[in-house]
Amino acid sequence: MQTIDSSKPVCVTGASGYIASWIVKLLLERGFTVHATVRDSDKASSVAHLRKAAQGASGKLVLFDADLIKPGSFKAAIEGCELVIHTASPFVIRGFTDPYAALVRPAVEGTENVLDSCNAVQSVKRVVLTSSVASIYGDAIEILKVPGGIFTEQLWNNTSSEGHQPYSYSKVMAERKAWDICQEQSRWDLVTINPSLVMGPSLTTQTQSTSIDVMRDLGSGRQRTGVPMLEFGIVDVREVANAHILAGLNPKAEGRFILSAHTASLLQMAIVLRASYPEYPLPARQLPKFLVKLVAPIAAGVSREFVQKNVGYALRFDNSRSKDVLGVQYRPLTETLCDHFQQMIDDGLLKRR
């Protein structure tokens, strides 16, 4: 059990990202000095939201430049920190030709580089790693074989590869690398946060996330003819950010924590949103699986194998550890979805029909 000195700075890697920028904001509001790593601190558009979060906050923001695949580049930011929150990871779902170069290498080598620096800096006591439920399972069909029909922290994704679900593969390989490195030393301990689909308002228009793609597809009219029966675990970005801090500061926190508040299909999300946004062309029906399989490779750029293994299955996640150990309190699904949708409208990413 490690007790973290709250007067010491906290390092947050990938600080300009969707989840990380909320972590930075919450830490600053709670009076922490934050060593925030970004790719280019001189690029005003990518750090403006971090500087804004620091305005009026009782904490102090210090920016550092670091590169995931450059050994030693995180060491300066980690110096003097007892807690390191490692969120930096490549986020590309499509549009690449080499999944190893685009996803796997930077995720695994980036984790290795950050943890090597943690080994080199004597002050480090705890590392909190942003992982994913993609580290726990690869395809929804796996729910049929898990004990009790519910995904838990004891499970590992053994089905993803560079050729099938490469993003999920990058997450599980990075988390496995982190546990391997942790077990080779005894000075610092490791806690992982494994969120499902993260939704809720972003602090910047610059970030990429699957949730923005999901919302844009639902609200733009692109799916007005119907959606597949694709179910997601959903969790609010604000709960995920808070969980990282709770995991960092709670001496009893150890191991992995699934962060997932609700499960909902695309149609259920659309129904929730339509109640508040009837003027948007949200889908009103579910498409049969055979039709989805027929059109998915052309219309959505996903394989028939993905459709076969993910469409039509109901998901369940055990979030009890996050509530019992960390004390996470989850907000209603309606609040998460509507806050996210409204922010996308405000940012000009969605237009009325």
Protein backbone atom coordinates (compact mmCIF):
# COMPACT_ATOMS: atom_id res chain seq x y z
CA MET A 1 0.00 0.00 0.00
CA GLN A 2 1.46 3.31 -1.13
CA THR A 3 0.42 6.69 0.29
CA ILE A 4 0.84 9.58 -2.15
CA ASP A 5 1.99 12.98 -0.89
CA SER A 6 -0.53 15.46 -2.34
CA SER A 7 2.01 18.30 -2.10
CA LYS A 8 4.14 16.59 -4.77
CA PRO A 9 3.46 17.15 -8.49
CA VAL A 10 1.44 14.60 -10.46
CA CYS A 11 2.55 13.68 -13.99
CA VAL A 12 -0.19 13.20 -16.60
CA THR A 13 0.98 11.90 -19.99
CA GLY A 14 -0.93 12.67 -23.19
CA ALA A 15 -2.44 15.58 -21.30
CA SER A 16 -4.23 17.22 -24.24
CA GLY A 17 -6.38 14.11 -24.86
CA TYR A 18 -10.09 13.61 -24.23
CA ILE A 19 -9.80 11.81 -20.87
CA ALA A 20 -6.46 13.30 -19.82
CA SER A 21 -7.54 16.92 -20.12
CA TRP A 22 -10.37 16.22 -17.64
CA ILE A 23 -7.84 14.56 -15.30
CA VAL A 24 -5.65 17.66 -15.54
CA LYS A 25 -8.62 19.96 -14.90
CA LEU A 26 -9.77 18.03 -11.82
CA LEU A 27 -6.24 17.85 -10.38
CA LEU A 28 -5.74 21.59 -10.88
CA GLU A 29 -9.08 22.34 -9.22
CA ARG A 30 -7.96 20.23 -6.25
CA GLY A 31 -4.74 22.21 -5.87
CA PHE A 32 -2.21 19.81 -7.39
CA THR A 33 0.80 20.83 -9.42
CA VAL A 34 0.42 18.96 -12.73
CA HIS A 35 3.32 18.00 -14.95
CA ALA A 36 1.42 17.62 -18.23
CA THR A 37 3.12 16.02 -21.23
CA VAL A 38 2.06 16.98 -24.75
CA ARG A 39 3.62 16.46 -28.15
CA ASP A 40 4.21 20.16 -28.80
CA SER A 41 3.62 22.72 -26.06
CA ASP A 42 4.18 25.54 -28.57
CA LYS A 43 1.16 24.48 -30.61
CA ALA A 44 -1.41 26.85 -29.12
CA SER A 45 -4.49 25.06 -30.45
CA SER A 46 -3.59 21.77 -28.78
CA VAL A 47 -2.84 23.20 -25.31
CA ALA A 48 -5.28 26.14 -25.10
CA HIS A 49 -7.86 24.06 -23.19
CA LEU A 50 -5.20 23.03 -20.64
CA ARG A 51 -4.15 26.64 -20.09
CA LYS A 52 -7.82 27.59 -19.74
CA ALA A 53 -8.31 24.85 -17.11
CA ALA A 54 -5.41 26.31 -15.13
CA GLN A 55 -6.93 29.81 -15.04
CA GLY A 56 -8.45 30.43 -11.63
CA ALA A 57 -7.56 26.94 -10.38
CA SER A 58 -5.63 26.58 -7.14
CA GLY A 59 -3.18 24.14 -8.73
CA LYS A 60 -0.29 24.84 -11.10
CA LEU A 61 0.14 23.60 -14.68
CA VAL A 62 3.62 22.85 -16.05
CA LEU A 63 3.83 21.66 -19.67
CA PHE A 64 6.49 19.24 -20.96
CA ASP A 65 7.11 18.00 -24.49
CA ALA A 66 7.35 14.22 -24.86
CA ASP A 67 7.12 11.66 -27.66
CA LEU A 68 5.71 8.16 -27.11
CA ILE A 69 8.37 6.41 -29.16
CA LYS A 70 11.33 8.49 -28.01
CA PRO A 71 13.08 6.78 -25.07
CA GLY A 72 13.70 9.04 -22.09
CA SER A 73 11.46 11.86 -23.31
CA PHE A 74 9.11 11.53 -20.30
CA LYS A 75 11.82 11.55 -17.62
CA ALA A 76 11.91 15.33 -17.11
CA ALA A 77 8.12 15.45 -16.56
CA ILE A 78 8.22 12.54 -14.09
CA GLU A 79 11.06 13.98 -11.97
CA GLY A 80 9.79 14.76 -8.46
CA CYS A 81 6.44 13.00 -8.95
CA GLU A 82 5.16 10.20 -6.73
CA LEU A 83 2.10 9.61 -8.94
CA VAL A 84 2.23 9.16 -12.70
CA ILE A 85 -1.01 8.89 -14.70
CA HIS A 86 -0.21 7.44 -18.11
CA THR A 87 -3.00 8.10 -20.61
CA ALA A 88 -0.94 8.73 -23.77
CA SER A 89 -1.73 6.16 -26.45
CA PRO A 90 -2.40 6.28 -30.20
CA PHE A 91 -6.08 6.62 -31.07
CA VAL A 92 -6.75 5.67 -34.67
CA ILE A 93 -9.65 3.37 -35.50
CA ARG A 94 -9.51 3.49 -39.29
CA GLY A 95 -7.62 5.04 -42.20
CA PHE A 96 -4.27 3.32 -41.62
CA THR A 97 -2.55 0.65 -43.71
CA ASP A 98 -0.06 -0.70 -41.18
CA PRO A 99 -1.74 -1.46 -37.82
CA TYR A 100 1.57 -2.29 -36.14
CA ALA A 101 3.13 1.07 -37.02
CA ALA A 102 -0.05 3.10 -36.41
CA LEU A 103 -1.26 1.47 -33.20
CA VAL A 104 0.64 -1.42 -31.67
CA ARG A 105 4.20 -0.08 -31.71
CA PRO A 106 3.44 3.38 -30.26
CA ALA A 107 1.07 1.90 -27.62
CA VAL A 108 3.51 -0.76 -26.42
CA GLU A 109 6.75 1.19 -26.84
CA GLY A 110 5.13 4.29 -25.37
CA THR A 111 4.11 2.38 -22.25
CA GLU A 112 7.58 0.87 -22.05
CA ASN A 113 9.24 4.30 -22.39
CA VAL A 114 7.07 5.90 -19.70
CA LEU A 115 7.60 3.03 -17.26
CA ASP A 116 11.35 2.93 -17.95
CA SER A 117 11.39 6.57 -16.89
CA CYS A 118 9.37 5.66 -13.79
CA ASN A 119 12.08 3.10 -13.00
CA ALA A 120 14.74 5.78 -13.47
CA VAL A 121 13.04 8.38 -11.23
CA GLN A 122 13.30 7.39 -7.56
CA SER A 123 10.32 9.46 -6.37
CA VAL A 124 7.68 7.40 -8.23
CA LYS A 125 5.40 5.32 -5.97
CA ARG A 126 2.36 4.60 -8.16
CA VAL A 127 1.43 4.49 -11.84
CA VAL A 128 -2.18 4.63 -13.01
CA LEU A 129 -2.55 3.40 -16.59
CA THR A 130 -5.46 4.19 -18.89
CA SER A 131 -6.34 0.84 -20.40
CA SER A 132 -9.73 -0.25 -21.77
CA VAL A 133 -12.36 -2.97 -21.66
CA ALA A 134 -10.75 -3.81 -25.02
CA SER A 135 -8.04 -5.39 -22.84
CA ILE A 136 -10.71 -7.60 -21.27
CA TYR A 137 -12.57 -8.79 -24.38
CA GLY A 138 -12.14 -8.53 -28.14
CA ASP A 139 -15.60 -9.21 -29.60
CA ALA A 140 -19.10 -9.07 -28.12
CA ILE A 141 -19.72 -12.76 -28.96
CA GLU A 142 -17.31 -13.64 -26.13
CA ILE A 143 -20.04 -12.71 -23.62
CA LEU A 144 -21.63 -16.09 -24.41
CA LYS A 145 -18.67 -17.98 -22.94
CA VAL A 146 -17.69 -15.92 -19.88
CA PRO A 147 -18.70 -17.07 -16.39
CA GLY A 148 -22.09 -15.68 -15.43
CA GLY A 149 -22.38 -13.84 -18.75
CA ILE A 150 -20.61 -10.75 -17.40
CA PHE A 151 -17.19 -9.27 -18.21
CA THR A 152 -14.95 -8.89 -15.12
CA GLU A 153 -11.42 -7.70 -14.36
CA GLN A 154 -10.18 -11.30 -14.23
CA LEU A 155 -10.61 -11.70 -18.01
CA TRP A 156 -8.11 -10.89 -20.76
CA ASN A 157 -8.63 -10.29 -24.48
CA ASN A 158 -6.98 -13.23 -26.25
CA THR A 159 -8.77 -12.92 -29.59
CA SER A 160 -7.68 -9.59 -31.10
CA SER A 161 -4.71 -9.32 -33.45
CA GLU A 162 -3.09 -6.89 -35.88
CA GLY A 163 -5.48 -8.20 -38.54
CA HIS A 164 -8.68 -8.28 -36.46
CA GLN A 165 -9.55 -5.49 -33.99
CA PRO A 166 -6.04 -3.93 -34.07
CA TYR A 167 -7.01 -1.08 -31.72
CA SER A 168 -8.15 -3.60 -29.10
CA TYR A 169 -4.96 -5.56 -29.71
CA SER A 170 -2.85 -2.44 -29.07
CA LYS A 171 -4.62 -1.85 -25.75
CA VAL A 172 -4.20 -5.39 -24.44
CA MET A 173 -0.55 -5.57 -25.54
CA ALA A 174 0.23 -2.24 -23.87
CA GLU A 175 -1.46 -3.27 -20.62
CA ARG A 176 0.31 -6.65 -20.58
CA LYS A 177 3.64 -4.86 -21.12
CA ALA A 178 2.84 -2.55 -18.18
CA TRP A 179 2.14 -5.46 -15.82
CA ASP A 180 5.33 -7.23 -16.97
CA ILE A 181 7.46 -4.17 -16.24
CA CYS A 182 5.72 -3.56 -12.90
CA GLN A 183 6.39 -7.11 -11.73
CA GLU A 184 10.12 -6.74 -12.42
CA GLN A 185 10.49 -4.12 -9.67
CA SER A 186 9.06 -3.39 -6.23
CA ARG A 187 9.28 0.40 -5.69
CA TRP A 188 6.12 1.51 -7.50
CA ASP A 189 2.78 -0.21 -7.93
CA LEU A 190 0.41 -0.23 -10.90
CA VAL A 191 -3.33 0.32 -11.15
CA THR A 192 -5.21 0.16 -14.45
CA ILE A 193 -8.46 1.89 -15.37
CA ASN A 194 -10.38 -0.11 -17.99
CA PRO A 195 -13.27 2.05 -19.28
CA SER A 196 -15.93 1.01 -21.76
CA LEU A 197 -17.02 3.53 -24.43
CA VAL A 198 -16.20 6.94 -22.94
CA MET A 199 -18.78 9.63 -23.66
CA GLY A 200 -19.61 13.06 -22.32
CA PRO A 201 -18.39 16.59 -23.08
CA SER A 202 -14.87 17.24 -24.30
CA LEU A 203 -12.81 20.22 -23.15
CA THR A 204 -11.49 20.73 -26.68
CA THR A 205 -12.61 20.32 -30.28
CA GLN A 206 -9.13 19.01 -31.14
CA THR A 207 -9.48 15.49 -29.70
CA GLN A 208 -10.36 12.31 -31.55
CA SER A 209 -12.58 9.68 -29.96
CA THR A 210 -14.89 6.85 -30.95
CA SER A 211 -17.68 8.53 -28.98
CA ILE A 212 -17.55 11.62 -31.22
CA ASP A 213 -17.82 9.34 -34.29
CA VAL A 214 -20.77 7.49 -32.72
CA MET A 215 -22.57 10.74 -31.90
CA ARG A 216 -21.88 12.24 -35.32
CA ASP A 217 -23.18 9.12 -37.07
CA LEU A 218 -26.34 9.13 -34.95
CA GLY A 219 -27.12 12.85 -35.20
CA SER A 220 -26.04 13.69 -38.75
CA GLY A 221 -28.69 11.66 -40.57
CA ARG A 222 -26.09 9.20 -41.85
CA GLN A 223 -27.95 6.41 -40.04
CA ARG A 224 -31.52 7.68 -40.47
CA THR A 225 -32.51 4.45 -42.26
CA GLY A 226 -31.55 2.40 -39.21
CA VAL A 227 -28.72 1.11 -37.04
CA PRO A 228 -27.31 -2.32 -36.29
CA MET A 229 -28.03 -3.95 -32.93
CA LEU A 230 -24.64 -2.94 -31.59
CA GLU A 231 -24.45 -2.59 -27.82
CA PHE A 232 -21.84 -0.66 -25.84
CA GLY A 233 -20.84 -0.27 -22.26
CA ILE A 234 -20.93 3.51 -21.67
CA VAL A 235 -19.23 5.65 -19.07
CA ASP A 236 -18.98 9.41 -18.61
CA VAL A 237 -15.56 10.97 -19.24
CA ARG A 238 -15.85 12.91 -15.98
CA GLU A 239 -16.25 9.68 -13.98
CA VAL A 240 -13.30 8.13 -15.83
CA ALA A 241 -11.09 11.13 -15.06
CA ASN A 242 -12.11 11.12 -11.41
CA ALA A 243 -11.47 7.36 -11.17
CA HIS A 244 -7.85 7.86 -12.30
CA ILE A 245 -7.30 10.32 -9.46
CA LEU A 246 -9.09 8.15 -6.90
CA ALA A 247 -7.01 5.16 -8.02
CA GLY A 248 -3.86 7.23 -7.68
CA LEU A 249 -4.57 8.53 -4.19
CA ASN A 250 -6.36 5.58 -2.53
CA PRO A 251 -3.74 3.37 -0.81
CA LYS A 252 -6.12 0.38 -1.07
CA ALA A 253 -6.49 0.62 -4.86
CA GLU A 254 -4.75 -2.22 -6.69
CA GLY A 255 -5.15 -4.21 -9.88
CA ARG A 256 -7.64 -3.45 -12.63
CA PHE A 257 -10.89 -1.46 -12.49
CA ILE A 258 -13.68 -1.72 -15.06
CA LEU A 259 -15.32 1.70 -15.50
CA SER A 260 -18.74 1.24 -17.09
CA ALA A 261 -21.97 2.84 -15.94
CA HIS A 262 -24.59 1.60 -18.42
CA THR A 263 -25.05 -0.61 -21.44
CA ALA A 264 -27.06 0.68 -24.38
CA SER A 265 -27.53 -0.11 -28.05
CA LEU A 266 -27.21 2.51 -30.77
CA LEU A 267 -31.01 2.60 -31.05
CA GLN A 268 -31.41 3.07 -27.29
CA MET A 269 -28.95 5.97 -27.43
CA ALA A 270 -30.93 7.52 -30.28
CA ILE A 271 -34.19 7.17 -28.33
CA VAL A 272 -32.65 8.92 -25.30
CA LEU A 273 -31.37 11.76 -27.49
CA ARG A 274 -34.58 12.17 -29.49
CA ALA A 275 -36.49 13.08 -26.32
CA SER A 276 -34.33 16.22 -26.00
CA TYR A 277 -33.38 16.79 -29.65
CA PRO A 278 -36.42 15.90 -31.81
CA GLU A 279 -35.24 18.24 -34.59
CA TYR A 280 -32.23 16.02 -35.41
CA PRO A 281 -32.48 13.06 -37.86
CA LEU A 282 -31.80 10.35 -35.29
CA PRO A 283 -32.41 6.72 -36.34
CA ALA A 284 -35.72 5.17 -35.30
CA ARG A 285 -35.24 1.49 -36.11
CA GLN A 286 -32.82 -1.39 -35.91
CA LEU A 287 -31.56 -3.10 -39.06
CA PRO A 288 -31.56 -6.90 -39.39
CA LYS A 289 -28.13 -8.50 -39.02
CA PHE A 290 -28.11 -10.05 -42.52
CA LEU A 291 -28.57 -6.59 -44.05
CA VAL A 292 -25.86 -5.06 -41.87
CA LYS A 293 -23.47 -7.83 -42.91
CA LEU A 294 -24.29 -7.18 -46.55
CA VAL A 295 -23.66 -3.42 -46.54
CA ALA A 296 -21.17 -2.91 -43.68
CA PRO A 297 -17.92 -3.32 -45.67
CA ILE A 298 -19.04 -0.60 -48.12
CA ALA A 299 -21.16 1.68 -45.92
CA ALA A 300 -19.12 1.56 -42.70
CA GLY A 301 -15.75 0.16 -43.71
CA VAL A 302 -15.97 -2.73 -41.23
CA SER A 303 -15.51 -6.39 -42.04
CA ARG A 304 -18.22 -9.04 -42.17
CA GLU A 305 -16.24 -10.87 -39.48
CA PHE A 306 -16.68 -7.85 -37.19
CA VAL A 307 -20.43 -7.79 -37.88
CA GLN A 308 -20.74 -11.53 -37.25
CA LYS A 309 -18.93 -11.33 -33.91
CA ASN A 310 -20.32 -8.05 -32.56
CA VAL A 311 -23.83 -7.35 -33.86
CA GLY A 312 -26.75 -8.80 -31.93
CA TYR A 313 -25.13 -9.49 -28.56
CA ALA A 314 -26.10 -7.95 -25.22
CA LEU A 315 -23.15 -6.91 -23.06
CA ARG A 316 -22.76 -6.83 -19.28
CA PHE A 317 -19.86 -5.42 -17.26
CA ASP A 318 -19.12 -5.82 -13.56
CA ASN A 319 -18.37 -2.31 -12.25
CA SER A 320 -18.59 -3.24 -8.55
CA ARG A 321 -14.86 -2.76 -7.82
CA SER A 322 -14.99 0.81 -9.14
CA LYS A 323 -17.85 1.60 -6.75
CA ASP A 324 -16.74 -0.41 -3.71
CA VAL A 325 -12.98 0.35 -3.73
CA LEU A 326 -12.70 3.69 -5.53
CA GLY A 327 -16.07 5.13 -4.53
CA VAL A 328 -17.04 6.09 -8.10
CA GLN A 329 -20.61 7.38 -8.40
CA TYR A 330 -22.05 7.14 -11.90
CA ARG A 331 -24.36 9.78 -13.36
CA PRO A 332 -27.49 8.95 -15.42
CA LEU A 333 -27.06 7.90 -19.07
CA THR A 334 -29.33 10.74 -20.23
CA GLU A 335 -27.03 13.35 -18.70
CA THR A 336 -23.91 11.87 -20.31
CA LEU A 337 -25.45 11.55 -23.77
CA CYS A 338 -27.21 14.92 -23.80
CA ASP A 339 -24.18 16.82 -22.46
CA HIS A 340 -22.07 15.24 -25.21
CA PHE A 341 -24.63 15.87 -27.96
CA GLN A 342 -25.14 19.50 -26.89
CA GLN A 343 -21.40 20.11 -26.85
CA MET A 344 -21.10 18.78 -30.41
CA ILE A 345 -23.92 21.11 -31.48
CA ASP A 346 -22.20 24.05 -29.77
CA ASP A 347 -18.94 23.16 -31.52
CA GLY A 348 -20.66 23.09 -34.92
CA LEU A 349 -20.14 19.34 -35.40
CA LEU A 350 -23.88 18.65 -35.75
CA LYS A 351 -26.58 20.51 -37.68
CA ARG A 352 -30.38 20.31 -37.56
CA ARG A 353 -32.20 18.47 -40.34
